[in-house]
Structure formats: C-alpha cells, structure tokens
Amino acid sequence: MNRRLRRALIVAVTLAAALVAALPVILTVALGWYRTDALKGPFGPDTDIYVILPLLYVVWLPATMAGMVFLYDRLGYRYMVTERKQTPTRKERRRRRAGLSLAEAQDRARKKKKD
C-alpha cells in the first residue's frame, strides 16, 4: 500500500473514531432526546439523559477503541512508544562523577605544580 495513502487512512480512522465516540451526544442534542419524558429524572425534569449517557459511554467508548485498534491492525499500523534516551544507571553515574572528580583533581595538581 502506498505510504501516503496509508497515512491518510490512519488519519481518517482516527477522525472517524472521534466522530463515532461523540455520536451519542450529537444524536441526543440534534434529535432533542434530552427533552424526553421517558424516565423521570432523579434531579428534576430533563435530567434523565444525563444519567443514561454515562452508562451508555461505559460500553460505547471501549467498543469504539476496539474498532479503531482493529482497523489500525488491518492497515498494518502498530503504535509503539518511541524509544526514550536511556538514562545511565546509578553505577554509571557514580563512575562518571568519579572520573570528573579525578580529572578536576589532576588539573588542580598540574596548576599547583606550575606555581
């Protein structure tokens, strides 16, 4: 598959996943479902949707992410964290510090010897 096409498809899948993730809220507002009398809201009129939406999202978002991961896999895109610069171990830090101290001490000894 062409590299540019693959990159474009990866971006499209990401944007589609974001749209699908927002779909319940978009439909709720667009269709006026938040003004429903299907349930009597525990916190007053028109609050039942604020109880239903979080419960829906508990299932909706993991399903959306699973679909996104599946499509990434089909495109051959495997996200991996970039390699961080390796930090030196404690032993290496001590050795470097000792080496610098030795070099400084030698410089001081040479300067003292010249004087």
PDB file of N, CA and C in Angstrom:
ATOM      1  N   MET A   1       0.841  -1.170   0.000  1.00  0.00           N
ATOM      2  CA  MET A   1       0.000   0.000   0.000  1.00  0.00           C
ATOM      3  C   MET A   1       0.891   1.239   0.000  1.00  0.00           C
ATOM      4  N   ASN A   2       0.476   2.224  -0.731  1.00  0.00           N
ATOM      5  CA  ASN A   2       1.213   3.468  -0.831  1.00  0.00           C
ATOM      6  C   ASN A   2       1.338   4.115   0.547  1.00  0.00           C
ATOM      7  N   ARG A   3       2.508   4.669   0.818  1.00  0.00           N
ATOM      8  CA  ARG A   3       2.775   5.240   2.144  1.00  0.00           C
ATOM      9  C   ARG A   3       1.857   6.418   2.456  1.00  0.00           C
ATOM     10  N   ARG A   4       1.638   7.281   1.472  1.00  0.00           N
ATOM     11  CA  ARG A   4       0.762   8.438   1.681  1.00  0.00           C
ATOM     12  C   ARG A   4      -0.690   8.009   1.870  1.00  0.00           C
ATOM     13  N   LEU A   5      -1.118   7.028   1.100  1.00  0.00           N
ATOM     14  CA  LEU A   5      -2.483   6.529   1.234  1.00  0.00           C
ATOM     15  C   LEU A   5      -2.676   5.902   2.607  1.00  0.00           C
ATOM     16  N   ARG A   6      -1.684   5.148   3.042  1.00  0.00           N
ATOM     17  CA  ARG A   6      -1.769   4.505   4.349  1.00  0.00           C
ATOM     18  C   ARG A   6      -1.844   5.551   5.450  1.00  0.00           C
ATOM     19  N   ARG A   7      -1.013   6.584   5.361  1.00  0.00           N
ATOM     20  CA  ARG A   7      -1.035   7.661   6.360  1.00  0.00           C
ATOM     21  C   ARG A   7      -2.391   8.362   6.356  1.00  0.00           C
ATOM     22  N   ALA A   8      -2.942   8.610   5.169  1.00  0.00           N
ATOM     23  CA  ALA A   8      -4.250   9.257   5.063  1.00  0.00           C
ATOM     24  C   ALA A   8      -5.342   8.377   5.673  1.00  0.00           C
ATOM     25  N   LEU A   9      -5.266   7.071   5.454  1.00  0.00           N
ATOM     26  CA  LEU A   9      -6.250   6.167   6.039  1.00  0.00           C
ATOM     27  C   LEU A   9      -6.138   6.117   7.563  1.00  0.00           C
ATOM     28  N   ILE A  10      -4.931   6.176   8.075  1.00  0.00           N
ATOM     29  CA  ILE A  10      -4.742   6.185   9.527  1.00  0.00           C
ATOM     30  C   ILE A  10      -5.359   7.441  10.130  1.00  0.00           C
ATOM     31  N   VAL A  11      -5.136   8.584   9.479  1.00  0.00           N
ATOM     32  CA  VAL A  11      -5.738   9.838   9.956  1.00  0.00           C
ATOM     33  C   VAL A  11      -7.256   9.762   9.850  1.00  0.00           C
ATOM     34  N   ALA A  12      -7.767   9.193   8.752  1.00  0.00           N
ATOM     35  CA  ALA A  12      -9.214   9.066   8.571  1.00  0.00           C
ATOM     36  C   ALA A  12      -9.826   8.170   9.638  1.00  0.00           C
ATOM     37  N   VAL A  13      -9.164   7.069   9.969  1.00  0.00           N
ATOM     38  CA  VAL A  13      -9.668   6.166  11.010  1.00  0.00           C
ATOM     39  C   VAL A  13      -9.697   6.877  12.356  1.00  0.00           C
ATOM     40  N   THR A  14      -8.671   7.651  12.647  1.00  0.00           N
ATOM     41  CA  THR A  14      -8.623   8.384  13.907  1.00  0.00           C
ATOM     42  C   THR A  14      -9.754   9.404  13.994  1.00  0.00           C
ATOM     43  N   LEU A  15      -9.953  10.162  12.924  1.00  0.00           N
ATOM     44  CA  LEU A  15     -11.033  11.153  12.914  1.00  0.00           C
ATOM     45  C   LEU A  15     -12.406  10.477  12.980  1.00  0.00           C
ATOM     46  N   ALA A  16     -12.559   9.356  12.279  1.00  0.00           N
ATOM     47  CA  ALA A  16     -13.824   8.626  12.325  1.00  0.00           C
ATOM     48  C   ALA A  16     -14.093   8.092  13.732  1.00  0.00           C
ATOM     49  N   ALA A  17     -13.065   7.629  14.416  1.00  0.00           N
ATOM     50  CA  ALA A  17     -13.233   7.139  15.786  1.00  0.00           C
ATOM     51  C   ALA A  17     -13.664   8.271  16.711  1.00  0.00           C
ATOM     52  N   ALA A  18     -13.097   9.457  16.520  1.00  0.00           N
ATOM     53  CA  ALA A  18     -13.501  10.603  17.336  1.00  0.00           C
ATOM     54  C   ALA A  18     -14.956  10.974  17.070  1.00  0.00           C
ATOM     55  N   LEU A  19     -15.366  10.917  15.805  1.00  0.00           N
ATOM     56  CA  LEU A  19     -16.752  11.211  15.462  1.00  0.00           C
ATOM     57  C   LEU A  19     -17.697  10.162  16.038  1.00  0.00           C
ATOM     58  N   VAL A  20     -17.325   8.897  15.917  1.00  0.00           N
ATOM     59  CA  VAL A  20     -18.161   7.819  16.458  1.00  0.00           C
ATOM     60  C   VAL A  20     -18.243   7.922  17.974  1.00  0.00           C
ATOM     61  N   ALA A  21     -17.154   8.338  18.621  1.00  0.00           N
ATOM     62  CA  ALA A  21     -17.163   8.490  20.074  1.00  0.00           C
ATOM     63  C   ALA A  21     -18.128   9.595  20.496  1.00  0.00           C
ATOM     64  N   ALA A  22     -18.246  10.640  19.692  1.00  0.00           N
ATOM     65  CA  ALA A  22     -19.140  11.749  20.020  1.00  0.00           C
ATOM     66  C   ALA A  22     -20.567  11.543  19.522  1.00  0.00           C
ATOM     67  N   LEU A  23     -20.805  10.491  18.782  1.00  0.00           N
ATOM     68  CA  LEU A  23     -22.113  10.262  18.163  1.00  0.00           C
ATOM     69  C   LEU A  23     -23.288  10.247  19.144  1.00  0.00           C
ATOM     70  N   PRO A  24     -23.221   9.592  20.284  1.00  0.00           N
ATOM     71  CA  PRO A  24     -24.382   9.618  21.194  1.00  0.00           C
ATOM     72  C   PRO A  24     -24.771  11.033  21.636  1.00  0.00           C
ATOM     73  N   VAL A  25     -23.804  11.858  21.936  1.00  0.00           N
ATOM     74  CA  VAL A  25     -24.123  13.221  22.356  1.00  0.00           C
ATOM     75  C   VAL A  25     -24.666  14.025  21.183  1.00  0.00           C
ATOM     76  N   ILE A  26     -24.074  13.848  20.012  1.00  0.00           N
ATOM     77  CA  ILE A  26     -24.545  14.569  18.826  1.00  0.00           C
ATOM     78  C   ILE A  26     -25.997  14.205  18.526  1.00  0.00           C
ATOM     79  N   LEU A  27     -26.326  12.911  18.551  1.00  0.00           N
ATOM     80  CA  LEU A  27     -27.704  12.486  18.305  1.00  0.00           C
ATOM     81  C   LEU A  27     -28.655  12.984  19.385  1.00  0.00           C
ATOM     82  N   THR A  28     -28.218  12.948  20.615  1.00  0.00           N
ATOM     83  CA  THR A  28     -29.061  13.410  21.716  1.00  0.00           C
ATOM     84  C   THR A  28     -29.433  14.869  21.556  1.00  0.00           C
ATOM     85  N   VAL A  29     -28.465  15.685  21.208  1.00  0.00           N
ATOM     86  CA  VAL A  29     -28.739  17.117  21.057  1.00  0.00           C
ATOM     87  C   VAL A  29     -29.488  17.396  19.763  1.00  0.00           C
ATOM     88  N   ALA A  30     -29.076  16.750  18.665  1.00  0.00           N
ATOM     89  CA  ALA A  30     -29.690  17.021  17.361  1.00  0.00           C
ATOM     90  C   ALA A  30     -31.152  16.587  17.308  1.00  0.00           C
ATOM     91  N   LEU A  31     -31.465  15.458  17.910  1.00  0.00           N
ATOM     92  CA  LEU A  31     -32.829  14.955  17.846  1.00  0.00           C
ATOM     93  C   LEU A  31     -33.688  15.386  19.030  1.00  0.00           C
ATOM     94  N   GLY A  32     -33.099  16.107  19.946  1.00  0.00           N
ATOM     95  CA  GLY A  32     -33.868  16.602  21.086  1.00  0.00           C
ATOM     96  C   GLY A  32     -34.216  15.529  22.095  1.00  0.00           C
ATOM     97  N   TRP A  33     -33.430  14.467  22.151  1.00  0.00           N
ATOM     98  CA  TRP A  33     -33.736  13.373  23.083  1.00  0.00           C
ATOM     99  C   TRP A  33     -33.524  13.772  24.530  1.00  0.00           C
ATOM    100  N   TYR A  34     -32.797  14.847  24.753  1.00  0.00           N
ATOM    101  CA  TYR A  34     -32.570  15.248  26.138  1.00  0.00           C
ATOM    102  C   TYR A  34     -33.827  15.861  26.754  1.00  0.00           C
ATOM    103  N   ARG A  35     -34.840  16.118  25.953  1.00  0.00           N
ATOM    104  CA  ARG A  35     -36.104  16.658  26.447  1.00  0.00           C
ATOM    105  C   ARG A  35     -37.179  15.573  26.498  1.00  0.00           C
ATOM    106  N   THR A  36     -36.779  14.364  26.728  1.00  0.00           N
ATOM    107  CA  THR A  36     -37.732  13.268  26.732  1.00  0.00           C
ATOM    108  C   THR A  36     -38.329  13.072  28.121  1.00  0.00           C
ATOM    109  N   ASP A  37     -39.527  12.535  28.156  1.00  0.00           N
ATOM    110  CA  ASP A  37     -40.169  12.214  29.423  1.00  0.00           C
ATOM    111  C   ASP A  37     -40.227  10.711  29.634  1.00  0.00           C
ATOM    112  N   ALA A  38     -39.307   9.990  28.978  1.00  0.00           N
ATOM    113  CA  ALA A  38     -39.299   8.535  29.090  1.00  0.00           C
ATOM    114  C   ALA A  38     -39.035   8.100  30.529  1.00  0.00           C
ATOM    115  N   LEU A  39     -38.132   8.773  31.170  1.00  0.00           N
ATOM    116  CA  LEU A  39     -37.817   8.490  32.572  1.00  0.00           C
ATOM    117  C   LEU A  39     -37.983   9.772  33.360  1.00  0.00           C
ATOM    118  N   LYS A  40     -38.385   9.628  34.557  1.00  0.00           N
ATOM    119  CA  LYS A  40     -38.445  10.803  35.420  1.00  0.00           C
ATOM    120  C   LYS A  40     -37.058  10.990  36.015  1.00  0.00           C
ATOM    121  N   GLY A  41     -36.426  12.056  35.649  1.00  0.00           N
ATOM    122  CA  GLY A  41     -35.069  12.310  36.109  1.00  0.00           C
ATOM    123  C   GLY A  41     -34.999  12.463  37.618  1.00  0.00           C
ATOM    124  N   PRO A  42     -34.004  11.879  38.242  1.00  0.00           N
ATOM    125  CA  PRO A  42     -33.907  11.963  39.700  1.00  0.00           C
ATOM    126  C   PRO A  42     -33.540  13.362  40.194  1.00  0.00           C
ATOM    127  N   PHE A  43     -33.015  14.199  39.316  1.00  0.00           N
ATOM    128  CA  PHE A  43     -32.588  15.533  39.721  1.00  0.00           C
ATOM    129  C   PHE A  43     -33.462  16.633  39.140  1.00  0.00           C
ATOM    130  N   GLY A  44     -34.626  16.274  38.652  1.00  0.00           N
ATOM    131  CA  GLY A  44     -35.530  17.257  38.089  1.00  0.00           C
ATOM    132  C   GLY A  44     -35.887  16.906  36.657  1.00  0.00           C
ATOM    133  N   PRO A  45     -36.725  17.710  36.021  1.00  0.00           N
ATOM    134  CA  PRO A  45     -37.127  17.425  34.645  1.00  0.00           C
ATOM    135  C   PRO A  45     -35.947  17.533  33.680  1.00  0.00           C
ATOM    136  N   ASP A  46     -35.976  16.721  32.665  1.00  0.00           N
ATOM    137  CA  ASP A  46     -34.978  16.695  31.586  1.00  0.00           C
ATOM    138  C   ASP A  46     -33.564  16.346  32.074  1.00  0.00           C
ATOM    139  N   THR A  47     -33.438  15.604  33.132  1.00  0.00           N
ATOM    140  CA  THR A  47     -32.115  15.194  33.599  1.00  0.00           C
ATOM    141  C   THR A  47     -31.865  13.706  33.388  1.00  0.00           C
ATOM    142  N   ASP A  48     -32.850  12.972  32.904  1.00  0.00           N
ATOM    143  CA  ASP A  48     -32.679  11.531  32.741  1.00  0.00           C
ATOM    144  C   ASP A  48     -31.609  11.183  31.715  1.00  0.00           C
ATOM    145  N   ILE A  49     -31.424  12.007  30.695  1.00  0.00           N
ATOM    146  CA  ILE A  49     -30.414  11.715  29.678  1.00  0.00           C
ATOM    147  C   ILE A  49     -29.010  11.816  30.265  1.00  0.00           C
ATOM    148  N   TYR A  50     -28.845  12.657  31.281  1.00  0.00           N
ATOM    149  CA  TYR A  50     -27.533  12.790  31.921  1.00  0.00           C
ATOM    150  C   TYR A  50     -27.202  11.591  32.800  1.00  0.00           C
ATOM    151  N   VAL A  51     -28.178  10.770  33.068  1.00  0.00           N
ATOM    152  CA  VAL A  51     -27.949   9.511  33.775  1.00  0.00           C
ATOM    153  C   VAL A  51     -27.709   8.386  32.768  1.00  0.00           C
ATOM    154  N   ILE A  52     -28.413   8.425  31.649  1.00  0.00           N
ATOM    155  CA  ILE A  52     -28.316   7.360  30.641  1.00  0.00           C
ATOM    156  C   ILE A  52     -27.014   7.462  29.844  1.00  0.00           C
ATOM    157  N   LEU A  53     -26.613   8.671  29.443  1.00  0.00           N
ATOM    158  CA  LEU A  53     -25.420   8.829  28.605  1.00  0.00           C
ATOM    159  C   LEU A  53     -24.144   8.271  29.236  1.00  0.00           C
ATOM    160  N   PRO A  54     -23.841   8.555  30.493  1.00  0.00           N
ATOM    161  CA  PRO A  54     -22.619   7.956  31.058  1.00  0.00           C
ATOM    162  C   PRO A  54     -22.662   6.436  31.085  1.00  0.00           C
ATOM    163  N   LEU A  55     -23.836   5.873  31.341  1.00  0.00           N
ATOM    164  CA  LEU A  55     -23.955   4.413  31.315  1.00  0.00           C
ATOM    165  C   LEU A  55     -23.738   3.868  29.912  1.00  0.00           C
ATOM    166  N   LEU A  56     -24.228   4.582  28.911  1.00  0.00           N
ATOM    167  CA  LEU A  56     -24.020   4.180  27.523  1.00  0.00           C
ATOM    168  C   LEU A  56     -22.541   4.271  27.151  1.00  0.00           C
ATOM    169  N   TYR A  57     -21.881   5.331  27.616  1.00  0.00           N
ATOM    170  CA  TYR A  57     -20.479   5.529  27.276  1.00  0.00           C
ATOM    171  C   TYR A  57     -19.554   4.485  27.899  1.00  0.00           C
ATOM    172  N   VAL A  58     -19.979   3.870  28.976  1.00  0.00           N
ATOM    173  CA  VAL A  58     -19.163   2.819  29.597  1.00  0.00           C
ATOM    174  C   VAL A  58     -18.951   1.673  28.608  1.00  0.00           C
ATOM    175  N   VAL A  59     -19.909   1.428  27.750  1.00  0.00           N
ATOM    176  CA  VAL A  59     -19.799   0.376  26.744  1.00  0.00           C
ATOM    177  C   VAL A  59     -19.355   0.957  25.399  1.00  0.00           C
ATOM    178  N   TRP A  60     -19.844   2.141  25.077  1.00  0.00           N
ATOM    179  CA  TRP A  60     -19.624   2.736  23.758  1.00  0.00           C
ATOM    180  C   TRP A  60     -18.150   3.051  23.485  1.00  0.00           C
ATOM    181  N   LEU A  61     -17.473   3.685  24.427  1.00  0.00           N
ATOM    182  CA  LEU A  61     -16.084   4.081  24.185  1.00  0.00           C
ATOM    183  C   LEU A  61     -15.122   2.900  24.063  1.00  0.00           C
ATOM    184  N   PRO A  62     -15.200   1.876  24.923  1.00  0.00           N
ATOM    185  CA  PRO A  62     -14.315   0.724  24.701  1.00  0.00           C
ATOM    186  C   PRO A  62     -14.583   0.023  23.364  1.00  0.00           C
ATOM    187  N   ALA A  63     -15.856  -0.040  22.955  1.00  0.00           N
ATOM    188  CA  ALA A  63     -16.170  -0.651  21.669  1.00  0.00           C
ATOM    189  C   ALA A  63     -15.594   0.180  20.518  1.00  0.00           C
ATOM    190  N   THR A  64     -15.666   1.492  20.639  1.00  0.00           N
ATOM    191  CA  THR A  64     -15.095   2.376  19.622  1.00  0.00           C
ATOM    192  C   THR A  64     -13.582   2.194  19.529  1.00  0.00           C
ATOM    193  N   MET A  65     -12.935   2.143  20.683  1.00  0.00           N
ATOM    194  CA  MET A  65     -11.477   1.971  20.691  1.00  0.00           C
ATOM    195  C   MET A  65     -11.078   0.593  20.152  1.00  0.00           C
ATOM    196  N   ALA A  66     -11.861  -0.426  20.452  1.00  0.00           N
ATOM    197  CA  ALA A  66     -11.571  -1.760  19.915  1.00  0.00           C
ATOM    198  C   ALA A  66     -11.678  -1.751  18.393  1.00  0.00           C
ATOM    199  N   GLY A  67     -12.682  -1.061  17.865  1.00  0.00           N
ATOM    200  CA  GLY A  67     -12.819  -0.941  16.417  1.00  0.00           C
ATOM    201  C   GLY A  67     -11.663  -0.178  15.801  1.00  0.00           C
ATOM    202  N   MET A  68     -11.218   0.873  16.474  1.00  0.00           N
ATOM    203  CA  MET A  68     -10.097   1.649  15.966  1.00  0.00           C
ATOM    204  C   MET A  68      -8.817   0.818  15.963  1.00  0.00           C
ATOM    205  N   VAL A  69      -8.588   0.062  17.021  1.00  0.00           N
ATOM    206  CA  VAL A  69      -7.399  -0.792  17.080  1.00  0.00           C
ATOM    207  C   VAL A  69      -7.465  -1.870  16.004  1.00  0.00           C
ATOM    208  N   PHE A  70      -8.658  -2.436  15.781  1.00  0.00           N
ATOM    209  CA  PHE A  70      -8.824  -3.443  14.732  1.00  0.00           C
ATOM    210  C   PHE A  70      -8.475  -2.855  13.360  1.00  0.00           C
ATOM    211  N   LEU A  71      -8.975  -1.657  13.074  1.00  0.00           N
ATOM    212  CA  LEU A  71      -8.686  -1.035  11.775  1.00  0.00           C
ATOM    213  C   LEU A  71      -7.218  -0.654  11.650  1.00  0.00           C
ATOM    214  N   TYR A  72      -6.609  -0.182  12.733  1.00  0.00           N
ATOM    215  CA  TYR A  72      -5.170   0.080  12.705  1.00  0.00           C
ATOM    216  C   TYR A  72      -4.404  -1.196  12.379  1.00  0.00           C
ATOM    217  N   ASP A  73      -4.827  -2.287  12.974  1.00  0.00           N
ATOM    218  CA  ASP A  73      -4.156  -3.563  12.732  1.00  0.00           C
ATOM    219  C   ASP A  73      -4.300  -3.981  11.270  1.00  0.00           C
ATOM    220  N   ARG A  74      -5.486  -3.784  10.710  1.00  0.00           N
ATOM    221  CA  ARG A  74      -5.711  -4.134   9.300  1.00  0.00           C
ATOM    222  C   ARG A  74      -4.868  -3.263   8.371  1.00  0.00           C
ATOM    223  N   LEU A  75      -4.591  -2.024   8.774  1.00  0.00           N
ATOM    224  CA  LEU A  75      -3.763  -1.134   7.972  1.00  0.00           C
ATOM    225  C   LEU A  75      -2.272  -1.392   8.181  1.00  0.00           C
ATOM    226  N   GLY A  76      -1.950  -2.252   9.135  1.00  0.00           N
ATOM    227  CA  GLY A  76      -0.561  -2.567   9.403  1.00  0.00           C
ATOM    228  C   GLY A  76       0.128  -1.535  10.281  1.00  0.00           C
ATOM    229  N   TYR A  77      -0.655  -0.735  10.971  1.00  0.00           N
ATOM    230  CA  TYR A  77      -0.096   0.296  11.848  1.00  0.00           C
ATOM    231  C   TYR A  77      -0.100  -0.223  13.274  1.00  0.00           C
ATOM    232  N   ARG A  78       1.079  -0.324  13.836  1.00  0.00           N
ATOM    233  CA  ARG A  78       1.193  -0.764  15.221  1.00  0.00           C
ATOM    234  C   ARG A  78       1.864   0.350  16.003  1.00  0.00           C
ATOM    235  N   TYR A  79       1.089   0.933  16.884  1.00  0.00           N
ATOM    236  CA  TYR A  79       1.612   2.053  17.662  1.00  0.00           C
ATOM    237  C   TYR A  79       2.594   1.529  18.695  1.00  0.00           C
ATOM    238  N   MET A  80       3.752   2.128  18.703  1.00  0.00           N
ATOM    239  CA  MET A  80       4.750   1.786  19.708  1.00  0.00           C
ATOM    240  C   MET A  80       5.300   3.089  20.275  1.00  0.00           C
ATOM    241  N   VAL A  81       5.523   3.103  21.542  1.00  0.00           N
ATOM    242  CA  VAL A  81       6.098   4.277  22.173  1.00  0.00           C
ATOM    243  C   VAL A  81       7.510   4.458  21.649  1.00  0.00           C
ATOM    244  N   THR A  82       7.845   5.681  21.317  1.00  0.00           N
ATOM    245  CA  THR A  82       9.194   5.935  20.810  1.00  0.00           C
ATOM    246  C   THR A  82      10.207   5.642  21.901  1.00  0.00           C
ATOM    247  N   GLU A  83      11.342   5.186  21.456  1.00  0.00           N
ATOM    248  CA  GLU A  83      12.389   4.836  22.407  1.00  0.00           C
ATOM    249  C   GLU A  83      12.903   6.103  23.080  1.00  0.00           C
ATOM    250  N   ARG A  84      12.914   6.068  24.389  1.00  0.00           N
ATOM    251  CA  ARG A  84      13.460   7.188  25.142  1.00  0.00           C
ATOM    252  C   ARG A  84      14.973   7.069  25.210  1.00  0.00           C
ATOM    253  N   LYS A  85      15.586   8.190  25.419  1.00  0.00           N
ATOM    254  CA  LYS A  85      17.025   8.171  25.616  1.00  0.00           C
ATOM    255  C   LYS A  85      17.295   7.407  26.910  1.00  0.00           C
ATOM    256  N   GLN A  86      18.181   6.450  26.840  1.00  0.00           N
ATOM    257  CA  GLN A  86      18.479   5.637  28.004  1.00  0.00           C
ATOM    258  C   GLN A  86      19.163   6.492  29.067  1.00  0.00           C
ATOM    259  N   THR A  87      18.634   6.470  30.250  1.00  0.00           N
ATOM    260  CA  THR A  87      19.291   7.177  31.347  1.00  0.00           C
ATOM    261  C   THR A  87      20.352   6.259  31.932  1.00  0.00           C
ATOM    262  N   PRO A  88      21.483   6.831  32.306  1.00  0.00           N
ATOM    263  CA  PRO A  88      22.540   5.979  32.849  1.00  0.00           C
ATOM    264  C   PRO A  88      22.122   5.369  34.187  1.00  0.00           C
ATOM    265  N   THR A  89      22.648   4.200  34.438  1.00  0.00           N
ATOM    266  CA  THR A  89      22.346   3.540  35.709  1.00  0.00           C
ATOM    267  C   THR A  89      23.079   4.257  36.830  1.00  0.00           C
ATOM    268  N   ARG A  90      22.752   3.898  38.023  1.00  0.00           N
ATOM    269  CA  ARG A  90      23.385   4.521  39.183  1.00  0.00           C
ATOM    270  C   ARG A  90      24.898   4.281  39.185  1.00  0.00           C
ATOM    271  N   LYS A  91      25.262   3.078  38.808  1.00  0.00           N
ATOM    272  CA  LYS A  91      26.685   2.725  38.758  1.00  0.00           C
ATOM    273  C   LYS A  91      27.420   3.590  37.729  1.00  0.00           C
ATOM    274  N   GLU A  92      26.810   3.768  36.556  1.00  0.00           N
ATOM    275  CA  GLU A  92      27.434   4.588  35.519  1.00  0.00           C
ATOM    276  C   GLU A  92      27.546   6.049  35.954  1.00  0.00           C
ATOM    277  N   ARG A  93      26.503   6.564  36.618  1.00  0.00           N
ATOM    278  CA  ARG A  93      26.554   7.944  37.097  1.00  0.00           C
ATOM    279  C   ARG A  93      27.686   8.137  38.116  1.00  0.00           C
ATOM    280  N   ARG A  94      27.837   7.180  39.019  1.00  0.00           N
ATOM    281  CA  ARG A  94      28.919   7.253  40.011  1.00  0.00           C
ATOM    282  C   ARG A  94      30.280   7.227  39.338  1.00  0.00           C
ATOM    283  N   ARG A  95      30.433   6.356  38.337  1.00  0.00           N
ATOM    284  CA  ARG A  95      31.722   6.274  37.623  1.00  0.00           C
ATOM    285  C   ARG A  95      32.035   7.580  36.904  1.00  0.00           C
ATOM    286  N   ARG A  96      31.030   8.158  36.253  1.00  0.00           N
ATOM    287  CA  ARG A  96      31.258   9.428  35.557  1.00  0.00           C
ATOM    288  C   ARG A  96      31.634  10.532  36.539  1.00  0.00           C
ATOM    289  N   ARG A  97      30.902  10.597  37.649  1.00  0.00           N
ATOM    290  CA  ARG A  97      31.190  11.607  38.652  1.00  0.00           C
ATOM    291  C   ARG A  97      32.605  11.425  39.211  1.00  0.00           C
ATOM    292  N   ALA A  98      32.991  10.162  39.439  1.00  0.00           N
ATOM    293  CA  ALA A  98      34.340   9.886  39.942  1.00  0.00           C
ATOM    294  C   ALA A  98      35.385  10.267  38.903  1.00  0.00           C
ATOM    295  N   GLY A  99      35.098  10.001  37.635  1.00  0.00           N
ATOM    296  CA  GLY A  99      36.026  10.367  36.566  1.00  0.00           C
ATOM    297  C   GLY A  99      36.195  11.867  36.465  1.00  0.00           C
ATOM    298  N   LEU A 100      35.093  12.614  36.586  1.00  0.00           N
ATOM    299  CA  LEU A 100      35.175  14.073  36.542  1.00  0.00           C
ATOM    300  C   LEU A 100      35.940  14.615  37.746  1.00  0.00           C
ATOM    301  N   SER A 101      35.683  14.021  38.896  1.00  0.00           N
ATOM    302  CA  SER A 101      36.417  14.447  40.096  1.00  0.00           C
ATOM    303  C   SER A 101      37.904  14.188  39.940  1.00  0.00           C
ATOM    304  N   LEU A 102      38.260  13.046  39.368  1.00  0.00           N
ATOM    305  CA  LEU A 102      39.660  12.719  39.133  1.00  0.00           C
ATOM    306  C   LEU A 102      40.292  13.725  38.176  1.00  0.00           C
ATOM    307  N   ALA A 103      39.590  14.040  37.096  1.00  0.00           N
ATOM    308  CA  ALA A 103      40.117  14.993  36.114  1.00  0.00           C
ATOM    309  C   ALA A 103      40.314  16.369  36.743  1.00  0.00           C
ATOM    310  N   GLU A 104      39.367  16.813  37.565  1.00  0.00           N
ATOM    311  CA  GLU A 104      39.493  18.108  38.237  1.00  0.00           C
ATOM    312  C   GLU A 104      40.679  18.101  39.195  1.00  0.00           C
ATOM    313  N   ALA A 105      40.817  17.010  39.933  1.00  0.00           N
ATOM    314  CA  ALA A 105      41.934  16.912  40.879  1.00  0.00           C
ATOM    315  C   ALA A 105      43.264  16.941  40.139  1.00  0.00           C
ATOM    316  N   GLN A 106      43.357  16.272  38.996  1.00  0.00           N
ATOM    317  CA  GLN A 106      44.592  16.276  38.209  1.00  0.00           C
ATOM    318  C   GLN A 106      44.889  17.666  37.680  1.00  0.00           C
ATOM    319  N   ASP A 107      43.845  18.382  37.221  1.00  0.00           N
ATOM    320  CA  ASP A 107      44.043  19.756  36.743  1.00  0.00           C
ATOM    321  C   ASP A 107      44.554  20.662  37.862  1.00  0.00           C
ATOM    322  N   ARG A 108      43.969  20.535  39.048  1.00  0.00           N
ATOM    323  CA  ARG A 108      44.413  21.342  40.184  1.00  0.00           C
ATOM    324  C   ARG A 108      45.865  21.020  40.552  1.00  0.00           C
ATOM    325  N   ALA A 109      46.205  19.705  40.479  1.00  0.00           N
ATOM    326  CA  ALA A 109      47.581  19.310  40.815  1.00  0.00           C
ATOM    327  C   ALA A 109      48.558  19.878  39.800  1.00  0.00           C
ATOM    328  N   ARG A 110      48.221  19.880  38.509  1.00  0.00           N
ATOM    329  CA  ARG A 110      49.097  20.443  37.476  1.00  0.00           C
ATOM    330  C   ARG A 110      49.264  21.937  37.670  1.00  0.00           C
ATOM    331  N   LYS A 111      48.155  22.639  37.982  1.00  0.00           N
ATOM    332  CA  LYS A 111      48.235  24.082  38.193  1.00  0.00           C
ATOM    333  C   LYS A 111      49.080  24.398  39.424  1.00  0.00           C
ATOM    334  N   LYS A 112      48.920  23.593  40.452  1.00  0.00           N
ATOM    335  CA  LYS A 112      49.672  23.808  41.670  1.00  0.00           C
ATOM    336  C   LYS A 112      51.167  23.552  41.439  1.00  0.00           C
ATOM    337  N   LYS A 113      51.465  22.548  40.616  1.00  0.00           N
ATOM    338  CA  LYS A 113      52.838  22.193  40.321  1.00  0.00           C
ATOM    339  C   LYS A 113      53.525  23.315  39.531  1.00  0.00           C
ATOM    340  N   LYS A 114      52.776  23.983  38.620  1.00  0.00           N
ATOM    341  CA  LYS A 114      53.319  25.076  37.821  1.00  0.00           C
ATOM    342  C   LYS A 114      53.634  26.261  38.697  1.00  0.00           C
ATOM    343  N   ASP A 115      52.825  26.483  39.684  1.00  0.00           N
ATOM    344  CA  ASP A 115      53.029  27.655  40.559  1.00  0.00           C
ATOM    345  C   ASP A 115      54.141  27.452  41.473  1.00  0.00           C
TER     346      ASP A 115
END
